[in-house]
Amino acid sequence: MRIGISGTYSSGKTFTSMALSHYTGLPRTKARTMREILPEAAPGKTLEECTAAELIQMIVTRHVERAVYEDKLSAGFISDGSSLQEWIYGSVRVSLGLNPSASAHLAAGESVEKTPELAFFEEVMTSLGNSFKRHVKNSFDVFVHLKNELPLSADGHRPVNDQFRNMSDEILQYTMDELGIAFHVVSGSVEERLVRIASLLNLEPRMSPQDATRLAAEEYAQLDVRSERERVLQ
C-alpha cells in the first residue's frame, strides 16, 4: 500500500510518518526537505529571501526526489507528504507573497499585490500543479490527513503563519477530493494516530505504539535542524 501522510505545516507529518513506518514495517520515502535543498539552491539565503526562480528550483527538485523514492518503493511505502505539498506551498505564496511572514497582518481572504514576479510565479505554479496532481493520483493509494490542531513550530525554518497554514490545509483537502484520492482525517496523540491509521488501513502492527513513538523520537533527533545560515554545502 502506498500511503501519504498529508497535512499542513507543523501538523506532525514527519514524526508521524517515522512512527508509522516503525509501527507497521512499511519503508518510509526519504526525499530531502526544502531546508536541506536550500543551501545548494540558494546558498546563504533563508526561505524568506528566495526569489521566485529559486523557489521553483527547490519545488521541482523535491518533486523529482519524491518521484524517485516512490518508484523505488512502489510495492508499498509511507511518505511524509507528497508533491501536492510543494505545489500548494508555491500556490499560497502567490496570494500571501514570496515572503509570507511579511504579510502576516493580512486578514483572511486578503492577498498581496500581484507584482510581475508573482504573476510569473503563479503561471508556473499552475502549470506545475497539473503535472504534480497527475503524478500524485497515479502514485498513491490513500492519504492520511492530519488534523490542523497543533501550534506552529517555532524552529525558525517555516516562513509561514496561521493564515498560510489554514489556506494550505483547505487546498490540500479540496485537491484530494478533486482527484478522487481516498483520504482519512485523523487527530490525537502520536500513539492514538498510529492505532487509528492501522485500524483504518488494515495494517498489522509490528510493535507497540509506544515503542514506535520512541524509535521515531530517536530518528527525529538525528535530523539537521540548524538554521539555513548555519548550513554549509557538503
Foldseek 3Di string as FASTA:
>chain_A
DAEEAAAFAPLCLLLLQQLLCQFFVFAEQDQDDLLVCCCVLPNQDAQLPDALVSLVVSLVSSQVSQLVSLVVRVVYYYYSHHSLRSLLLLQVCLFCPSQNLVRPVDDQPHGDDRDPRSVVSNVVSVVVVVVRLVSVLVRGQEYEYEDPDDDHDPLPRDSHDPSSRVSSRVVVVVSCVVSVHHYHYDYDDSQRVSVVVCVVVVGDTPDHSVVSSVVSVVVVVPDDSDGSNPDDDD
